[in-house]
Each structure stands twice: as structure tokens, then as C-alpha cells.
Amino acid sequence: MTGKFSTVPFNFGGLPRDQSRWENSRVVFLPVPYDLTSTYLPGSRRGPLAILEASTHMELFDEVLGQETYRIGFHTLDALEAVAAGPGEMIDRVEKHVRKVVQAAKFPVLIGGEHSLTLGAARALTKKHPRLSFLQLDAHADLRVSYEGTPFSHACAGRRLSEIGPLVQVGIRSLTRDEYLYIRKGAVKTLFGHDLAQTPDWQEEVCRSLLPEVYVTIDLDVLDPAIMPAVGTPEPGGLDWRSLTSLLHRVASQKKVVGFDVVELTPIPGLIAPDFLAAKLIYRFLGQIFAPEFRRGKRR
């Protein structure tokens, strides 16, 4: 007996190959399965493939935005192979690949992997956008000068970003005394998790603190462990889905988002809800960023 077997392409959204070519895509996804500097629960190297798998099961019509965001064109690169030379070398590799995406006038989405990878994307984008600000959504400040012998640890991601552009942090609820003092010096703008409930206009404060062009880095532990348990270092008191997507909508409406990443998913075998949440978050944020094109009738 012979016949043809239909398989879902393994790319973001499970799009047919003729609809996900580099040439006709505005958005390019770079999966980076890397977690060399993880310190509590390792496993975020499995995050990118889990997110891609979950994305193939999404309905591609966004009922909130009333659009099929994938029509802007999605292309998924092959997963970036990890190197054992250290996080600095891996960050350089990410920078090189994101630079190619940016030079082709496409919108980069980095899917991690650990948070150290963000620096590579940030470096690539600041070459084209020298007045770029950064929005870090995270449970941890990540403002250490160095950690476990390297300045490129995931625990240093925020510090490295603050050295190349203005940094705004949201949802922070775990840090050292030295990191706290760095914040108190005014080096970064930080909205702690416990402050959000007492600051009715905190989302507007975030937008006021950012420059017109923004790169957004989303460490999934910014969410409360009740809805996002699949992270390496969960912290109680995090954001919920609506507060996070509401903030992203406001940022996308008021600023020019030039790229973003979603990092630190550590999949839990048998529990797919966190994987699906991460995929849906990426799709929703892209929809918010590109919504003006749909409103102008350029897309359907």
C-alpha cells in the first residue's frame, strides 16, 4: 500500500513551507537551545523546541486582535548549535546571526535558552538603532557584575544591557544587596513586583521611561509560578497573563519595538501548558507590534 503522509512543518506556527520562506517573511525566529550558565534547575536548552512544538498547535487567528498575524510572514531559522567555549562565545554567535536578520530588514525574535543570550541580540540591534532602550521583564534583577567567574552569566544579563543603553525593569522580586544599591544609584529604572499593585499607572510609567525605540526581553519567570511553573528559578508574586499582555500592548502602541526575545522556559515533562503559554505570548506580542498594518488594510 502506498500513499502520502501529511506532516506539520516544524517551524513557528506550523506554516507550510511555501508560506514560511525567508524571502517573503517579515519576522525571523532564531531558536537557541543553550543553558550553560544556568544555576538552579537547568533545562532551558529544551525551551526553544518545546515552544516551536506548541506553536504548531495554535489557532492562527487572534480573537483579541481580530487578525491572522502570521500573514506578515514568518521564517524559522535552524536552531543555533551550542558551543562549549563559554557564554561569551555563544553571545557572539547570537549577535552574528541576529545581525544578518537585521541587515535584511527583518524583525528578529530570539527564542531561548538562558537569559545570557539576550546580549547578543541587543548588540546586533544597537548597531542599527544606536539610541535603543531595553525593557526587561523578569523576576530577577540580573545586575551582577560577574557570576561564577564570567560577566556573561544569565545572572548578569541586565547589567550588560544597562551598559549599552537605558534599561527599564519590571516585575523584579529577587536580587542581591549590591544589585539593589546599583538600582538606587539610578543606573536603571526598576519597578519591583511588590510596587505594581500600589502604582495604578505603572504601565504608563514604564512607557515614559523608555526611549522611542525599544528591545524587549521577556524572562518567563516574570510570570507567577501559578501559571508559569516551568522556569529554572520560580519566584512567587509574579505577573499574570492579562497584566503582562496589557503592558506589552501599551509598549507596542507607544513605542517602536525593533525586536524581542522570550527566554528561560524549562519544560516540565507531561505539562504542556507553560510551553503553549510561551508560544501564545510570542504570537500575541507580534500581533500587537504589527497591528497597525492590519488596521491600515495592508494585511487581512
C-alpha atoms as a PDB file:
ATOM      1  CA  MET A   1       0.000   0.000   0.000  1.00  0.00           C
ATOM      2  CA  THR A   2       1.370   3.409  -0.928  1.00  0.00           C
ATOM      3  CA  GLY A   3       0.252   6.886  -0.110  1.00  0.00           C
ATOM      4  CA  LYS A   4       1.311  10.308   1.031  1.00  0.00           C
ATOM      5  CA  PHE A   5       1.701  11.171   4.668  1.00  0.00           C
ATOM      6  CA  SER A   6       0.966  14.732   5.750  1.00  0.00           C
ATOM      7  CA  THR A   7       3.259  16.208   8.377  1.00  0.00           C
ATOM      8  CA  VAL A   8       3.124  19.582  10.107  1.00  0.00           C
ATOM      9  CA  PRO A   9       6.258  21.582   9.290  1.00  0.00           C
ATOM     10  CA  PHE A  10       8.395  22.192  12.364  1.00  0.00           C
ATOM     11  CA  ASN A  11       8.508  25.967  12.331  1.00  0.00           C
ATOM     12  CA  PHE A  12       6.814  28.668  14.387  1.00  0.00           C
ATOM     13  CA  GLY A  13       3.105  28.298  13.716  1.00  0.00           C
ATOM     14  CA  GLY A  14       3.494  25.074  11.741  1.00  0.00           C
ATOM     15  CA  LEU A  15       3.240  27.009   8.473  1.00  0.00           C
ATOM     16  CA  PRO A  16       3.503  25.317   5.081  1.00  0.00           C
ATOM     17  CA  ARG A  17       6.944  25.693   3.589  1.00  0.00           C
ATOM     18  CA  ASP A  18       5.724  27.861   0.748  1.00  0.00           C
ATOM     19  CA  GLN A  19       4.330  30.300   3.352  1.00  0.00           C
ATOM     20  CA  SER A  20       7.423  30.441   5.537  1.00  0.00           C
ATOM     21  CA  ARG A  21      10.245  31.246   3.153  1.00  0.00           C
ATOM     22  CA  TRP A  22      12.948  33.717   4.139  1.00  0.00           C
ATOM     23  CA  GLU A  23      12.267  35.821   1.051  1.00  0.00           C
ATOM     24  CA  ASN A  24       8.661  36.691   1.894  1.00  0.00           C
ATOM     25  CA  SER A  25       8.877  36.846   5.699  1.00  0.00           C
ATOM     26  CA  ARG A  26       8.945  39.965   7.859  1.00  0.00           C
ATOM     27  CA  VAL A  27       9.638  38.079  11.099  1.00  0.00           C
ATOM     28  CA  VAL A  28      12.540  35.682  11.620  1.00  0.00           C
ATOM     29  CA  PHE A  29      12.714  33.355  14.623  1.00  0.00           C
ATOM     30  CA  LEU A  30      16.094  32.253  15.970  1.00  0.00           C
ATOM     31  CA  PRO A  31      15.865  29.288  18.392  1.00  0.00           C
ATOM     32  CA  VAL A  32      18.912  28.989  20.668  1.00  0.00           C
ATOM     33  CA  PRO A  33      18.891  25.845  22.849  1.00  0.00           C
ATOM     34  CA  TYR A  34      21.611  26.865  25.310  1.00  0.00           C
ATOM     35  CA  ASP A  35      21.801  26.903  29.124  1.00  0.00           C
ATOM     36  CA  LEU A  36      25.460  26.560  30.097  1.00  0.00           C
ATOM     37  CA  THR A  37      25.325  29.111  32.953  1.00  0.00           C
ATOM     38  CA  SER A  38      22.006  28.019  34.494  1.00  0.00           C
ATOM     39  CA  THR A  39      22.439  27.755  38.249  1.00  0.00           C
ATOM     40  CA  TYR A  40      19.357  26.224  39.917  1.00  0.00           C
ATOM     41  CA  LEU A  41      17.302  24.000  37.636  1.00  0.00           C
ATOM     42  CA  PRO A  42      18.902  23.510  34.204  1.00  0.00           C
ATOM     43  CA  GLY A  43      16.873  22.621  31.132  1.00  0.00           C
ATOM     44  CA  SER A  44      16.116  25.898  29.343  1.00  0.00           C
ATOM     45  CA  ARG A  45      18.080  24.465  26.416  1.00  0.00           C
ATOM     46  CA  ARG A  46      14.937  22.420  25.773  1.00  0.00           C
ATOM     47  CA  GLY A  47      12.750  25.523  25.779  1.00  0.00           C
ATOM     48  CA  PRO A  48      13.026  26.604  22.131  1.00  0.00           C
ATOM     49  CA  LEU A  49      11.972  23.267  20.678  1.00  0.00           C
ATOM     50  CA  ALA A  50       9.118  22.991  23.189  1.00  0.00           C
ATOM     51  CA  ILE A  51       7.872  26.435  22.179  1.00  0.00           C
ATOM     52  CA  LEU A  52       8.093  25.620  18.476  1.00  0.00           C
ATOM     53  CA  GLU A  53       6.231  22.345  19.024  1.00  0.00           C
ATOM     54  CA  ALA A  54       3.487  24.108  20.999  1.00  0.00           C
ATOM     55  CA  SER A  55       3.179  26.808  18.345  1.00  0.00           C
ATOM     56  CA  THR A  56       2.232  24.236  15.721  1.00  0.00           C
ATOM     57  CA  HIS A  57      -0.960  23.606  17.708  1.00  0.00           C
ATOM     58  CA  MET A  58      -2.098  27.245  17.968  1.00  0.00           C
ATOM     59  CA  GLU A  59      -5.050  28.628  16.086  1.00  0.00           C
ATOM     60  CA  LEU A  60      -3.512  31.379  13.976  1.00  0.00           C
ATOM     61  CA  PHE A  61      -6.484  33.722  14.150  1.00  0.00           C
ATOM     62  CA  ASP A  62      -6.067  36.058  17.127  1.00  0.00           C
ATOM     63  CA  GLU A  63      -9.517  36.680  18.545  1.00  0.00           C
ATOM     64  CA  VAL A  64      -8.373  39.667  20.622  1.00  0.00           C
ATOM     65  CA  LEU A  65      -6.733  41.486  17.734  1.00  0.00           C
ATOM     66  CA  GLY A  66      -9.069  40.170  15.035  1.00  0.00           C
ATOM     67  CA  GLN A  67      -6.256  39.252  12.669  1.00  0.00           C
ATOM     68  CA  GLU A  68      -4.092  36.418  11.376  1.00  0.00           C
ATOM     69  CA  THR A  69      -0.709  37.742  12.385  1.00  0.00           C
ATOM     70  CA  TYR A  70       1.246  35.067  10.515  1.00  0.00           C
ATOM     71  CA  ARG A  71       0.286  36.792   7.247  1.00  0.00           C
ATOM     72  CA  ILE A  72       3.142  39.255   7.778  1.00  0.00           C
ATOM     73  CA  GLY A  73       5.417  36.294   7.001  1.00  0.00           C
ATOM     74  CA  PHE A  74       7.210  34.044   9.499  1.00  0.00           C
ATOM     75  CA  HIS A  75      10.503  32.281   8.855  1.00  0.00           C
ATOM     76  CA  THR A  76      12.147  29.999  11.423  1.00  0.00           C
ATOM     77  CA  LEU A  77      15.888  29.502  11.262  1.00  0.00           C
ATOM     78  CA  ASP A  78      17.513  26.244  12.260  1.00  0.00           C
ATOM     79  CA  ALA A  79      18.343  26.041  15.948  1.00  0.00           C
ATOM     80  CA  LEU A  80      21.696  27.642  16.674  1.00  0.00           C
ATOM     81  CA  GLU A  81      24.162  24.980  17.709  1.00  0.00           C
ATOM     82  CA  ALA A  82      25.635  25.455  21.175  1.00  0.00           C
ATOM     83  CA  VAL A  83      29.360  25.852  21.653  1.00  0.00           C
ATOM     84  CA  ALA A  84      31.355  24.765  24.702  1.00  0.00           C
ATOM     85  CA  ALA A  85      33.845  27.650  24.552  1.00  0.00           C
ATOM     86  CA  GLY A  86      31.816  29.650  27.084  1.00  0.00           C
ATOM     87  CA  PRO A  87      28.891  32.077  27.167  1.00  0.00           C
ATOM     88  CA  GLY A  88      30.893  34.939  25.662  1.00  0.00           C
ATOM     89  CA  GLU A  89      31.479  32.926  22.505  1.00  0.00           C
ATOM     90  CA  MET A  90      27.818  31.901  22.371  1.00  0.00           C
ATOM     91  CA  ILE A  91      26.702  35.512  22.728  1.00  0.00           C
ATOM     92  CA  ASP A  92      28.983  36.442  19.818  1.00  0.00           C
ATOM     93  CA  ARG A  93      27.346  33.745  17.674  1.00  0.00           C
ATOM     94  CA  VAL A  94      23.882  35.053  18.503  1.00  0.00           C
ATOM     95  CA  GLU A  95      24.990  38.583  17.627  1.00  0.00           C
ATOM     96  CA  LYS A  96      26.299  37.416  14.252  1.00  0.00           C
ATOM     97  CA  HIS A  97      23.063  35.630  13.333  1.00  0.00           C
ATOM     98  CA  VAL A  98      20.763  38.423  14.539  1.00  0.00           C
ATOM     99  CA  ARG A  99      22.858  40.954  12.619  1.00  0.00           C
ATOM    100  CA  LYS A 100      22.099  39.079   9.388  1.00  0.00           C
ATOM    101  CA  VAL A 101      18.383  39.247  10.184  1.00  0.00           C
ATOM    102  CA  VAL A 102      18.557  42.976  10.912  1.00  0.00           C
ATOM    103  CA  GLN A 103      20.634  43.719   7.815  1.00  0.00           C
ATOM    104  CA  ALA A 104      17.935  42.025   5.734  1.00  0.00           C
ATOM    105  CA  ALA A 105      15.378  44.474   7.221  1.00  0.00           C
ATOM    106  CA  LYS A 106      13.544  41.692   9.030  1.00  0.00           C
ATOM    107  CA  PHE A 107      12.231  41.624  12.590  1.00  0.00           C
ATOM    108  CA  PRO A 108      14.181  39.277  14.906  1.00  0.00           C
ATOM    109  CA  VAL A 109      12.618  37.114  17.611  1.00  0.00           C
ATOM    110  CA  LEU A 110      15.095  35.189  19.745  1.00  0.00           C
ATOM    111  CA  ILE A 111      13.742  32.074  21.473  1.00  0.00           C
ATOM    112  CA  GLY A 112      15.972  30.895  24.334  1.00  0.00           C
ATOM    113  CA  GLY A 113      17.562  29.240  26.112  1.00  0.00           C
ATOM    114  CA  GLU A 114      19.014  31.119  29.036  1.00  0.00           C
ATOM    115  CA  HIS A 115      18.934  34.857  29.554  1.00  0.00           C
ATOM    116  CA  SER A 116      22.600  35.481  28.753  1.00  0.00           C
ATOM    117  CA  LEU A 117      21.714  35.143  25.053  1.00  0.00           C
ATOM    118  CA  THR A 118      19.830  38.450  25.095  1.00  0.00           C
ATOM    119  CA  LEU A 119      23.081  40.397  24.976  1.00  0.00           C
ATOM    120  CA  GLY A 120      23.917  39.033  21.527  1.00  0.00           C
ATOM    121  CA  ALA A 121      20.636  40.234  20.065  1.00  0.00           C
ATOM    122  CA  ALA A 122      20.955  43.583  21.853  1.00  0.00           C
ATOM    123  CA  ARG A 123      24.423  44.199  20.442  1.00  0.00           C
ATOM    124  CA  ALA A 124      23.286  43.431  16.911  1.00  0.00           C
ATOM    125  CA  LEU A 125      20.326  45.784  17.143  1.00  0.00           C
ATOM    126  CA  THR A 126      22.198  48.707  18.717  1.00  0.00           C
ATOM    127  CA  LYS A 127      24.395  48.857  15.621  1.00  0.00           C
ATOM    128  CA  LYS A 128      21.322  49.810  13.599  1.00  0.00           C
ATOM    129  CA  HIS A 129      19.464  51.598  16.410  1.00  0.00           C
ATOM    130  CA  PRO A 130      22.133  53.457  18.438  1.00  0.00           C
ATOM    131  CA  ARG A 131      19.538  55.128  20.675  1.00  0.00           C
ATOM    132  CA  LEU A 132      17.904  51.889  21.747  1.00  0.00           C
ATOM    133  CA  SER A 133      16.370  51.332  25.177  1.00  0.00           C
ATOM    134  CA  PHE A 134      15.691  47.988  26.811  1.00  0.00           C
ATOM    135  CA  LEU A 135      12.675  46.634  28.660  1.00  0.00           C
ATOM    136  CA  GLN A 136      13.481  43.662  30.889  1.00  0.00           C
ATOM    137  CA  LEU A 137      10.513  41.676  32.206  1.00  0.00           C
ATOM    138  CA  ASP A 138      11.925  39.405  34.870  1.00  0.00           C
ATOM    139  CA  ALA A 139      11.677  38.104  38.424  1.00  0.00           C
ATOM    140  CA  HIS A 140      15.417  38.617  38.911  1.00  0.00           C
ATOM    141  CA  ALA A 141      17.417  41.807  38.559  1.00  0.00           C
ATOM    142  CA  ASP A 142      20.304  40.053  36.754  1.00  0.00           C
ATOM    143  CA  LEU A 143      22.525  43.033  37.588  1.00  0.00           C
ATOM    144  CA  ARG A 144      25.600  41.226  38.875  1.00  0.00           C
ATOM    145  CA  VAL A 145      28.931  42.442  37.562  1.00  0.00           C
ATOM    146  CA  SER A 146      30.065  38.832  37.275  1.00  0.00           C
ATOM    147  CA  TYR A 147      28.810  35.459  38.443  1.00  0.00           C
ATOM    148  CA  GLU A 148      30.619  32.155  38.777  1.00  0.00           C
ATOM    149  CA  GLY A 149      33.655  33.543  37.025  1.00  0.00           C
ATOM    150  CA  THR A 150      32.033  35.132  33.978  1.00  0.00           C
ATOM    151  CA  PRO A 151      30.497  38.534  33.207  1.00  0.00           C
ATOM    152  CA  PHE A 152      28.289  36.776  30.656  1.00  0.00           C
ATOM    153  CA  SER A 153      26.247  34.638  33.046  1.00  0.00           C
ATOM    154  CA  HIS A 154      22.463  34.700  32.875  1.00  0.00           C
ATOM    155  CA  ALA A 155      22.692  36.483  36.243  1.00  0.00           C
ATOM    156  CA  CYS A 156      24.486  39.400  34.523  1.00  0.00           C
ATOM    157  CA  ALA A 157      22.108  39.940  31.591  1.00  0.00           C
ATOM    158  CA  GLY A 158      20.526  43.112  32.964  1.00  0.00           C
ATOM    159  CA  ARG A 159      23.882  44.616  33.954  1.00  0.00           C
ATOM    160  CA  ARG A 160      25.289  44.140  30.462  1.00  0.00           C
ATOM    161  CA  LEU A 161      22.187  45.702  28.899  1.00  0.00           C
ATOM    162  CA  SER A 162      22.400  48.719  31.209  1.00  0.00           C
ATOM    163  CA  GLU A 163      25.940  49.323  29.948  1.00  0.00           C
ATOM    164  CA  ILE A 164      24.843  49.744  26.329  1.00  0.00           C
ATOM    165  CA  GLY A 165      21.542  51.589  26.720  1.00  0.00           C
ATOM    166  CA  PRO A 166      18.825  52.758  29.129  1.00  0.00           C
ATOM    167  CA  LEU A 167      17.263  49.804  30.951  1.00  0.00           C
ATOM    168  CA  VAL A 168      13.791  49.562  32.471  1.00  0.00           C
ATOM    169  CA  GLN A 169      12.985  46.507  34.576  1.00  0.00           C
ATOM    170  CA  VAL A 170       9.517  45.272  35.538  1.00  0.00           C
ATOM    171  CA  GLY A 171       8.451  42.580  37.996  1.00  0.00           C
ATOM    172  CA  ILE A 172      11.733  42.248  39.900  1.00  0.00           C
ATOM    173  CA  ARG A 173      11.373  40.374  43.192  1.00  0.00           C
ATOM    174  CA  SER A 174      14.768  38.765  43.750  1.00  0.00           C
ATOM    175  CA  LEU A 175      18.180  40.462  43.913  1.00  0.00           C
ATOM    176  CA  THR A 176      21.317  40.928  45.988  1.00  0.00           C
ATOM    177  CA  ARG A 177      22.153  43.931  48.143  1.00  0.00           C
ATOM    178  CA  ASP A 178      24.778  45.056  45.611  1.00  0.00           C
ATOM    179  CA  GLU A 179      22.215  44.915  42.830  1.00  0.00           C
ATOM    180  CA  TYR A 180      19.798  46.906  44.980  1.00  0.00           C
ATOM    181  CA  LEU A 181      22.429  49.598  45.559  1.00  0.00           C
ATOM    182  CA  TYR A 182      23.138  49.727  41.814  1.00  0.00           C
ATOM    183  CA  ILE A 183      19.457  50.418  41.234  1.00  0.00           C
ATOM    184  CA  ARG A 184      19.388  53.046  43.999  1.00  0.00           C
ATOM    185  CA  LYS A 185      22.214  54.903  42.254  1.00  0.00           C
ATOM    186  CA  GLY A 186      19.835  55.463  39.336  1.00  0.00           C
ATOM    187  CA  ALA A 187      21.711  53.199  36.949  1.00  0.00           C
ATOM    188  CA  VAL A 188      18.468  51.524  35.904  1.00  0.00           C
ATOM    189  CA  LYS A 189      14.744  52.139  36.293  1.00  0.00           C
ATOM    190  CA  THR A 190      13.248  49.235  38.255  1.00  0.00           C
ATOM    191  CA  LEU A 191       9.615  48.573  39.102  1.00  0.00           C
ATOM    192  CA  PHE A 192       9.631  45.879  41.740  1.00  0.00           C
ATOM    193  CA  GLY A 193       6.921  43.272  41.766  1.00  0.00           C
ATOM    194  CA  HIS A 194       5.558  44.463  45.124  1.00  0.00           C
ATOM    195  CA  ASP A 195       5.266  48.036  43.805  1.00  0.00           C
ATOM    196  CA  LEU A 196       2.940  47.272  40.918  1.00  0.00           C
ATOM    197  CA  ALA A 197      -0.248  46.809  42.929  1.00  0.00           C
ATOM    198  CA  GLN A 198       0.370  50.149  44.661  1.00  0.00           C
ATOM    199  CA  THR A 199       1.073  52.053  41.442  1.00  0.00           C
ATOM    200  CA  PRO A 200      -2.127  52.292  39.367  1.00  0.00           C
ATOM    201  CA  ASP A 201      -0.373  53.879  36.367  1.00  0.00           C
ATOM    202  CA  TRP A 202       2.718  51.646  36.428  1.00  0.00           C
ATOM    203  CA  GLN A 203       2.340  50.690  32.773  1.00  0.00           C
ATOM    204  CA  GLU A 204       2.376  54.317  31.727  1.00  0.00           C
ATOM    205  CA  GLU A 205       5.398  54.897  33.950  1.00  0.00           C
ATOM    206  CA  VAL A 206       7.184  52.121  32.093  1.00  0.00           C
ATOM    207  CA  CYS A 207       6.451  53.740  28.734  1.00  0.00           C
ATOM    208  CA  ARG A 208       7.550  57.168  29.938  1.00  0.00           C
ATOM    209  CA  SER A 209      10.887  55.697  30.997  1.00  0.00           C
ATOM    210  CA  LEU A 210      11.662  54.150  27.602  1.00  0.00           C
ATOM    211  CA  LEU A 211      13.171  55.820  24.542  1.00  0.00           C
ATOM    212  CA  PRO A 212      11.183  55.779  21.265  1.00  0.00           C
ATOM    213  CA  GLU A 213      12.929  52.574  20.110  1.00  0.00           C
ATOM    214  CA  VAL A 214      12.799  49.521  22.365  1.00  0.00           C
ATOM    215  CA  TYR A 215      14.091  45.970  22.570  1.00  0.00           C
ATOM    216  CA  VAL A 216      12.043  43.782  24.914  1.00  0.00           C
ATOM    217  CA  THR A 217      13.466  40.793  26.760  1.00  0.00           C
ATOM    218  CA  ILE A 218      10.937  38.529  28.461  1.00  0.00           C
ATOM    219  CA  ASP A 219      12.243  36.103  31.054  1.00  0.00           C
ATOM    220  CA  LEU A 220       9.230  33.869  31.639  1.00  0.00           C
ATOM    221  CA  ASP A 221       9.805  33.842  35.395  1.00  0.00           C
ATOM    222  CA  VAL A 222       8.336  37.363  35.397  1.00  0.00           C
ATOM    223  CA  LEU A 223       5.039  35.467  35.463  1.00  0.00           C
ATOM    224  CA  ASP A 224       3.690  33.985  38.647  1.00  0.00           C
ATOM    225  CA  PRO A 225       4.618  30.309  39.133  1.00  0.00           C
ATOM    226  CA  ALA A 226       0.911  29.511  39.362  1.00  0.00           C
ATOM    227  CA  ILE A 227       0.696  29.970  35.590  1.00  0.00           C
ATOM    228  CA  MET A 228       4.368  29.574  34.655  1.00  0.00           C
ATOM    229  CA  PRO A 229       5.986  26.883  36.814  1.00  0.00           C
ATOM    230  CA  ALA A 230       8.356  25.773  34.036  1.00  0.00           C
ATOM    231  CA  VAL A 231      11.298  28.053  34.788  1.00  0.00           C
ATOM    232  CA  GLY A 232      14.649  27.421  36.384  1.00  0.00           C
ATOM    233  CA  THR A 233      14.176  29.731  39.375  1.00  0.00           C
ATOM    234  CA  PRO A 234      10.497  30.474  40.054  1.00  0.00           C
ATOM    235  CA  GLU A 235       9.630  33.368  42.365  1.00  0.00           C
ATOM    236  CA  PRO A 236       6.226  33.972  43.999  1.00  0.00           C
ATOM    237  CA  GLY A 237       4.301  37.168  43.354  1.00  0.00           C
ATOM    238  CA  GLY A 238       4.675  37.458  39.604  1.00  0.00           C
ATOM    239  CA  LEU A 239       2.536  38.987  36.882  1.00  0.00           C
ATOM    240  CA  ASP A 240      -0.488  37.249  35.409  1.00  0.00           C
ATOM    241  CA  TRP A 241      -1.292  36.794  31.716  1.00  0.00           C
ATOM    242  CA  ARG A 242      -3.533  39.839  31.406  1.00  0.00           C
ATOM    243  CA  SER A 243      -1.177  42.267  33.138  1.00  0.00           C
ATOM    244  CA  LEU A 244       1.755  41.103  31.021  1.00  0.00           C
ATOM    245  CA  THR A 245      -0.046  41.219  27.683  1.00  0.00           C
ATOM    246  CA  SER A 246      -1.625  44.541  28.623  1.00  0.00           C
ATOM    247  CA  LEU A 247       1.808  46.033  29.280  1.00  0.00           C
ATOM    248  CA  LEU A 248       3.161  44.661  26.008  1.00  0.00           C
ATOM    249  CA  HIS A 249       0.178  46.111  24.149  1.00  0.00           C
ATOM    250  CA  ARG A 250       0.838  49.549  25.629  1.00  0.00           C
ATOM    251  CA  VAL A 251       4.545  49.414  24.796  1.00  0.00           C
ATOM    252  CA  ALA A 252       3.812  48.269  21.230  1.00  0.00           C
ATOM    253  CA  SER A 253       1.262  51.084  20.848  1.00  0.00           C
ATOM    254  CA  GLN A 254       3.513  53.875  22.121  1.00  0.00           C
ATOM    255  CA  LYS A 255       7.000  52.771  21.060  1.00  0.00           C
ATOM    256  CA  LYS A 256       8.772  51.235  18.109  1.00  0.00           C
ATOM    257  CA  VAL A 257       9.676  47.699  19.150  1.00  0.00           C
ATOM    258  CA  VAL A 258      12.610  46.583  16.992  1.00  0.00           C
ATOM    259  CA  GLY A 259      12.942  43.029  18.317  1.00  0.00           C
ATOM    260  CA  PHE A 260      12.341  40.867  21.339  1.00  0.00           C
ATOM    261  CA  ASP A 261      13.177  37.597  22.991  1.00  0.00           C
ATOM    262  CA  VAL A 262      11.440  35.048  25.202  1.00  0.00           C
ATOM    263  CA  VAL A 263      13.831  33.071  27.378  1.00  0.00           C
ATOM    264  CA  GLU A 264      14.203  30.665  30.306  1.00  0.00           C
ATOM    265  CA  LEU A 265      11.388  28.203  29.613  1.00  0.00           C
ATOM    266  CA  THR A 266      12.431  24.964  31.316  1.00  0.00           C
ATOM    267  CA  PRO A 267       9.884  22.406  30.083  1.00  0.00           C
ATOM    268  CA  ILE A 268       8.323  20.019  32.575  1.00  0.00           C
ATOM    269  CA  PRO A 269       7.681  16.569  31.061  1.00  0.00           C
ATOM    270  CA  GLY A 270       3.964  15.919  30.789  1.00  0.00           C
ATOM    271  CA  LEU A 271       2.983  19.556  31.464  1.00  0.00           C
ATOM    272  CA  ILE A 272       2.427  21.373  28.183  1.00  0.00           C
ATOM    273  CA  ALA A 273       0.506  24.446  29.391  1.00  0.00           C
ATOM    274  CA  PRO A 274       3.662  26.542  30.034  1.00  0.00           C
ATOM    275  CA  ASP A 275       5.023  25.680  26.584  1.00  0.00           C
ATOM    276  CA  PHE A 276       1.784  26.741  24.956  1.00  0.00           C
ATOM    277  CA  LEU A 277       1.643  29.941  27.021  1.00  0.00           C
ATOM    278  CA  ALA A 278       5.119  30.895  25.805  1.00  0.00           C
ATOM    279  CA  ALA A 279       4.188  30.269  22.164  1.00  0.00           C
ATOM    280  CA  LYS A 280       0.937  32.195  22.523  1.00  0.00           C
ATOM    281  CA  LEU A 281       2.770  35.085  24.204  1.00  0.00           C
ATOM    282  CA  ILE A 282       5.160  35.375  21.274  1.00  0.00           C
ATOM    283  CA  TYR A 283       2.289  35.312  18.781  1.00  0.00           C
ATOM    284  CA  ARG A 284       0.216  37.856  20.720  1.00  0.00           C
ATOM    285  CA  PHE A 285       3.126  40.281  21.089  1.00  0.00           C
ATOM    286  CA  LEU A 286       3.916  40.064  17.382  1.00  0.00           C
ATOM    287  CA  GLY A 287       0.263  40.738  16.671  1.00  0.00           C
ATOM    288  CA  GLN A 288       0.359  43.823  18.885  1.00  0.00           C
ATOM    289  CA  ILE A 289       3.530  45.111  17.222  1.00  0.00           C
ATOM    290  CA  PHE A 290       2.249  44.675  13.667  1.00  0.00           C
ATOM    291  CA  ALA A 291      -1.413  45.539  14.352  1.00  0.00           C
ATOM    292  CA  PRO A 292      -1.170  48.960  12.636  1.00  0.00           C
ATOM    293  CA  GLU A 293      -0.554  47.240   9.306  1.00  0.00           C
ATOM    294  CA  PHE A 294      -3.727  45.225   9.680  1.00  0.00           C
ATOM    295  CA  ARG A 295      -5.717  48.311  10.683  1.00  0.00           C
ATOM    296  CA  ARG A 296      -4.496  50.121   7.567  1.00  0.00           C
ATOM    297  CA  GLY A 297      -5.739  47.227   5.475  1.00  0.00           C
ATOM    298  CA  LYS A 298      -2.323  46.114   4.273  1.00  0.00           C
ATOM    299  CA  ARG A 299      -2.947  42.669   5.711  1.00  0.00           C
ATOM    300  CA  ARG A 300      -6.003  40.534   6.302  1.00  0.00           C
END
